[in-house]
Amino acid sequence: MFAKLSVLVFYRRVMGLHDWLRRGVDITIVFVVLLGIAGVLFLFAGCRPLRYTWDKTIPNGYCCDMVLWYFINAGINIAIDVVITGLPLPLLFRL
């Protein structure tokens, strides 16, 4: 999350004179932060009790489908990376 935010803040500082780019960067920043918060919350809420996350010998412990979460999270992160890469392209093509 912090690496993505640093790139987005860099875009905002360097190319912030264009309103459409600033709005796109701001929307992407909000989405990245919300996804980071959701990821942390899911890690805390994914297993009950929390210790069952690393100690599978606890009786009556339960984890939701973590592999599915990993794939969903990876897909969303790849999509955000594509958006972050594509944000400055219209300005770069005008150079």
N, C-alpha and C. Protein backbone atom coordinates (compact mmCIF):
# COMPACT_ATOMS: atom_id res chain seq x y z
N MET A 1 0.82 -1.18 0.00
CA MET A 1 0.00 0.00 0.00
C MET A 1 0.87 1.25 0.00
N PHE A 2 1.93 1.28 0.80
CA PHE A 2 2.73 2.50 0.91
C PHE A 2 3.54 2.76 -0.35
N ALA A 3 3.97 1.73 -1.04
CA ALA A 3 4.69 1.92 -2.30
C ALA A 3 3.75 2.53 -3.35
N LYS A 4 2.53 2.04 -3.41
CA LYS A 4 1.56 2.60 -4.35
C LYS A 4 1.25 4.05 -4.00
N LEU A 5 1.10 4.33 -2.71
CA LEU A 5 0.80 5.70 -2.29
C LEU A 5 1.95 6.64 -2.61
N SER A 6 3.18 6.19 -2.48
CA SER A 6 4.31 7.07 -2.79
C SER A 6 4.34 7.41 -4.27
N VAL A 7 4.03 6.45 -5.14
CA VAL A 7 3.98 6.73 -6.57
C VAL A 7 2.84 7.70 -6.87
N LEU A 8 1.70 7.49 -6.25
CA LEU A 8 0.55 8.37 -6.51
C LEU A 8 0.81 9.79 -6.01
N VAL A 9 1.44 9.94 -4.87
CA VAL A 9 1.76 11.28 -4.36
C VAL A 9 2.78 11.95 -5.28
N PHE A 10 3.72 11.16 -5.81
CA PHE A 10 4.67 11.70 -6.78
C PHE A 10 3.94 12.20 -8.02
N TYR A 11 3.00 11.43 -8.53
CA TYR A 11 2.20 11.87 -9.68
C TYR A 11 1.48 13.17 -9.37
N ARG A 12 0.92 13.25 -8.19
CA ARG A 12 0.14 14.44 -7.82
C ARG A 12 1.03 15.67 -7.73
N ARG A 13 2.25 15.50 -7.23
CA ARG A 13 3.16 16.65 -7.12
C ARG A 13 3.72 17.08 -8.47
N VAL A 14 4.10 16.11 -9.29
CA VAL A 14 4.76 16.44 -10.55
C VAL A 14 3.75 16.87 -11.61
N MET A 15 2.65 16.15 -11.71
CA MET A 15 1.69 16.41 -12.77
C MET A 15 0.35 16.91 -12.24
N GLY A 16 0.38 17.60 -11.13
CA GLY A 16 -0.85 18.01 -10.47
C GLY A 16 -1.54 19.23 -11.07
N LEU A 17 -1.00 19.79 -12.13
CA LEU A 17 -1.61 20.97 -12.73
C LEU A 17 -2.85 20.62 -13.54
N HIS A 18 -3.00 19.39 -13.92
CA HIS A 18 -4.15 18.96 -14.71
C HIS A 18 -5.22 18.43 -13.77
N ASP A 19 -6.41 19.03 -13.88
CA ASP A 19 -7.50 18.65 -12.95
C ASP A 19 -7.91 17.20 -13.09
N TRP A 20 -7.98 16.70 -14.31
CA TRP A 20 -8.43 15.32 -14.51
C TRP A 20 -7.43 14.33 -13.91
N LEU A 21 -6.15 14.65 -14.00
CA LEU A 21 -5.14 13.75 -13.42
C LEU A 21 -5.19 13.81 -11.90
N ARG A 22 -5.37 15.01 -11.35
CA ARG A 22 -5.45 15.15 -9.90
C ARG A 22 -6.64 14.38 -9.35
N ARG A 23 -7.80 14.48 -10.03
CA ARG A 23 -8.98 13.74 -9.58
C ARG A 23 -8.76 12.23 -9.67
N GLY A 24 -8.15 11.80 -10.77
CA GLY A 24 -7.87 10.37 -10.93
C GLY A 24 -6.92 9.85 -9.87
N VAL A 25 -5.89 10.64 -9.56
CA VAL A 25 -4.94 10.24 -8.53
C VAL A 25 -5.62 10.22 -7.16
N ASP A 26 -6.43 11.22 -6.87
CA ASP A 26 -7.12 11.26 -5.57
C ASP A 26 -8.06 10.07 -5.40
N ILE A 27 -8.79 9.72 -6.44
CA ILE A 27 -9.69 8.58 -6.38
C ILE A 27 -8.90 7.29 -6.17
N THR A 28 -7.78 7.18 -6.87
CA THR A 28 -6.95 5.99 -6.73
C THR A 28 -6.34 5.91 -5.33
N ILE A 29 -5.93 7.05 -4.77
CA ILE A 29 -5.38 7.07 -3.41
C ILE A 29 -6.42 6.57 -2.41
N VAL A 30 -7.65 7.05 -2.53
CA VAL A 30 -8.71 6.62 -1.62
C VAL A 30 -8.94 5.12 -1.75
N PHE A 31 -8.96 4.62 -2.99
CA PHE A 31 -9.18 3.19 -3.21
C PHE A 31 -8.04 2.35 -2.63
N VAL A 32 -6.81 2.79 -2.81
CA VAL A 32 -5.65 2.05 -2.29
C VAL A 32 -5.68 2.01 -0.76
N VAL A 33 -5.99 3.14 -0.13
CA VAL A 33 -6.05 3.19 1.33
C VAL A 33 -7.16 2.29 1.85
N LEU A 34 -8.34 2.35 1.22
CA LEU A 34 -9.45 1.50 1.67
C LEU A 34 -9.12 0.03 1.48
N LEU A 35 -8.45 -0.31 0.39
CA LEU A 35 -8.07 -1.71 0.18
C LEU A 35 -7.04 -2.15 1.21
N GLY A 36 -6.11 -1.29 1.57
CA GLY A 36 -5.14 -1.63 2.61
C GLY A 36 -5.79 -1.85 3.96
N ILE A 37 -6.72 -0.99 4.30
CA ILE A 37 -7.44 -1.13 5.57
C ILE A 37 -8.27 -2.42 5.56
N ALA A 38 -8.93 -2.69 4.44
CA ALA A 38 -9.74 -3.91 4.33
C ALA A 38 -8.86 -5.15 4.46
N GLY A 39 -7.67 -5.11 3.89
CA GLY A 39 -6.77 -6.25 4.00
C GLY A 39 -6.35 -6.52 5.42
N VAL A 40 -6.03 -5.48 6.15
CA VAL A 40 -5.63 -5.64 7.55
C VAL A 40 -6.81 -6.14 8.39
N LEU A 41 -7.98 -5.57 8.17
CA LEU A 41 -9.15 -6.02 8.91
C LEU A 41 -9.49 -7.48 8.60
N PHE A 42 -9.32 -7.87 7.35
CA PHE A 42 -9.61 -9.25 6.99
C PHE A 42 -8.64 -10.21 7.66
N LEU A 43 -7.38 -9.80 7.78
CA LEU A 43 -6.41 -10.67 8.44
C LEU A 43 -6.77 -10.87 9.91
N PHE A 44 -7.32 -9.83 10.54
CA PHE A 44 -7.72 -9.97 11.93
C PHE A 44 -9.05 -10.71 12.09
N ALA A 45 -9.94 -10.58 11.12
CA ALA A 45 -11.26 -11.18 11.24
C ALA A 45 -11.38 -12.50 10.48
N GLY A 46 -10.35 -12.90 9.75
CA GLY A 46 -10.44 -14.10 8.92
C GLY A 46 -10.46 -15.39 9.70
N CYS A 47 -9.84 -15.41 10.85
CA CYS A 47 -9.78 -16.64 11.66
C CYS A 47 -10.33 -16.35 13.06
N ARG A 48 -11.05 -17.32 13.57
CA ARG A 48 -11.57 -17.23 14.93
C ARG A 48 -11.15 -18.44 15.71
N PRO A 49 -10.53 -18.37 16.82
CA PRO A 49 -9.90 -17.19 17.43
C PRO A 49 -8.69 -16.74 16.62
N LEU A 50 -8.22 -15.57 16.89
CA LEU A 50 -7.13 -14.98 16.11
C LEU A 50 -5.88 -15.84 16.14
N ARG A 51 -5.61 -16.50 17.26
CA ARG A 51 -4.42 -17.37 17.37
C ARG A 51 -4.46 -18.53 16.39
N TYR A 52 -5.65 -18.89 15.93
CA TYR A 52 -5.78 -20.00 14.99
C TYR A 52 -5.12 -19.67 13.65
N THR A 53 -4.84 -18.42 13.39
CA THR A 53 -4.17 -18.02 12.16
C THR A 53 -2.82 -18.70 12.05
N TRP A 54 -2.07 -18.78 13.12
CA TRP A 54 -0.74 -19.39 13.08
C TRP A 54 -0.64 -20.71 13.85
N ASP A 55 -1.66 -21.02 14.66
CA ASP A 55 -1.64 -22.27 15.43
C ASP A 55 -2.89 -23.07 15.10
N LYS A 56 -2.78 -23.98 14.14
CA LYS A 56 -3.93 -24.75 13.66
C LYS A 56 -4.31 -25.89 14.60
N THR A 57 -3.61 -26.05 15.71
CA THR A 57 -3.94 -27.13 16.65
C THR A 57 -5.01 -26.72 17.65
N ILE A 58 -5.46 -25.50 17.63
CA ILE A 58 -6.48 -25.02 18.57
C ILE A 58 -7.81 -25.69 18.21
N PRO A 59 -8.47 -26.32 19.18
CA PRO A 59 -9.75 -26.97 18.87
C PRO A 59 -10.84 -25.93 18.60
N ASN A 60 -11.74 -26.29 17.73
CA ASN A 60 -12.88 -25.45 17.33
C ASN A 60 -12.45 -24.15 16.66
N GLY A 61 -11.25 -24.09 16.13
CA GLY A 61 -10.81 -22.91 15.39
C GLY A 61 -11.35 -22.94 13.97
N TYR A 62 -11.50 -21.77 13.39
CA TYR A 62 -12.07 -21.67 12.06
C TYR A 62 -11.39 -20.54 11.28
N CYS A 63 -11.06 -20.82 10.04
CA CYS A 63 -10.59 -19.78 9.13
C CYS A 63 -11.46 -19.81 7.89
N CYS A 64 -11.76 -18.63 7.36
CA CYS A 64 -12.47 -18.59 6.08
C CYS A 64 -11.48 -18.99 4.99
N ASP A 65 -11.92 -19.03 3.78
CA ASP A 65 -11.09 -19.50 2.67
C ASP A 65 -10.01 -18.46 2.37
N MET A 66 -8.83 -18.66 2.95
CA MET A 66 -7.73 -17.70 2.80
C MET A 66 -7.16 -17.72 1.38
N VAL A 67 -7.15 -18.88 0.73
CA VAL A 67 -6.61 -18.95 -0.62
C VAL A 67 -7.46 -18.11 -1.57
N LEU A 68 -8.77 -18.17 -1.40
CA LEU A 68 -9.65 -17.33 -2.21
C LEU A 68 -9.36 -15.85 -1.96
N TRP A 69 -9.16 -15.47 -0.71
CA TRP A 69 -8.82 -14.09 -0.38
C TRP A 69 -7.52 -13.68 -1.04
N TYR A 70 -6.52 -14.56 -1.04
CA TYR A 70 -5.24 -14.23 -1.67
C TYR A 70 -5.41 -13.98 -3.16
N PHE A 71 -6.21 -14.79 -3.83
CA PHE A 71 -6.42 -14.60 -5.26
C PHE A 71 -7.20 -13.32 -5.55
N ILE A 72 -8.23 -13.05 -4.77
CA ILE A 72 -9.00 -11.82 -4.95
C ILE A 72 -8.13 -10.60 -4.70
N ASN A 73 -7.37 -10.63 -3.63
CA ASN A 73 -6.49 -9.52 -3.29
C ASN A 73 -5.43 -9.31 -4.37
N ALA A 74 -4.86 -10.40 -4.89
CA ALA A 74 -3.85 -10.29 -5.94
C ALA A 74 -4.46 -9.70 -7.21
N GLY A 75 -5.65 -10.12 -7.57
CA GLY A 75 -6.31 -9.58 -8.76
C GLY A 75 -6.59 -8.09 -8.65
N ILE A 76 -7.08 -7.68 -7.49
CA ILE A 76 -7.36 -6.26 -7.27
C ILE A 76 -6.07 -5.46 -7.29
N ASN A 77 -5.01 -5.97 -6.69
CA ASN A 77 -3.74 -5.26 -6.68
C ASN A 77 -3.14 -5.15 -8.08
N ILE A 78 -3.28 -6.19 -8.90
CA ILE A 78 -2.80 -6.11 -10.28
C ILE A 78 -3.58 -5.06 -11.05
N ALA A 79 -4.90 -5.02 -10.84
CA ALA A 79 -5.72 -4.01 -11.52
C ALA A 79 -5.33 -2.59 -11.10
N ILE A 80 -5.07 -2.39 -9.81
CA ILE A 80 -4.65 -1.07 -9.34
C ILE A 80 -3.28 -0.71 -9.91
N ASP A 81 -2.37 -1.69 -10.02
CA ASP A 81 -1.07 -1.42 -10.62
C ASP A 81 -1.20 -0.98 -12.07
N VAL A 82 -2.12 -1.60 -12.80
CA VAL A 82 -2.36 -1.20 -14.20
C VAL A 82 -2.90 0.22 -14.25
N VAL A 83 -3.81 0.56 -13.36
CA VAL A 83 -4.37 1.91 -13.32
C VAL A 83 -3.27 2.93 -12.98
N ILE A 84 -2.45 2.61 -11.99
CA ILE A 84 -1.38 3.52 -11.59
C ILE A 84 -0.38 3.72 -12.73
N THR A 85 -0.08 2.65 -13.44
CA THR A 85 0.83 2.76 -14.58
C THR A 85 0.21 3.58 -15.71
N GLY A 86 -1.08 3.44 -15.89
CA GLY A 86 -1.74 4.13 -17.00
C GLY A 86 -2.13 5.57 -16.73
N LEU A 87 -2.14 6.01 -15.50
CA LEU A 87 -2.57 7.38 -15.20
C LEU A 87 -1.76 8.45 -15.92
N PRO A 88 -0.44 8.42 -15.94
CA PRO A 88 0.29 9.52 -16.56
C PRO A 88 0.50 9.36 -18.07
N LEU A 89 0.04 8.25 -18.65
CA LEU A 89 0.32 8.01 -20.06
C LEU A 89 -0.21 9.08 -21.01
N PRO A 90 -1.43 9.60 -20.83
CA PRO A 90 -1.88 10.65 -21.75
C PRO A 90 -0.96 11.89 -21.74
N LEU A 91 -0.44 12.24 -20.58
CA LEU A 91 0.48 13.38 -20.52
C LEU A 91 1.82 13.04 -21.16
N LEU A 92 2.28 11.82 -20.96
CA LEU A 92 3.55 11.43 -21.54
C LEU A 92 3.49 11.34 -23.06
N PHE A 93 2.34 10.96 -23.60
CA PHE A 93 2.20 10.89 -25.06
C PHE A 93 2.22 12.26 -25.69
N ARG A 94 1.85 13.30 -24.94
CA ARG A 94 1.85 14.67 -25.46
C ARG A 94 3.24 15.31 -25.49
N LEU A 95 4.20 14.70 -24.83
CA LEU A 95 5.54 15.29 -24.78
C LEU A 95 6.22 15.25 -26.13
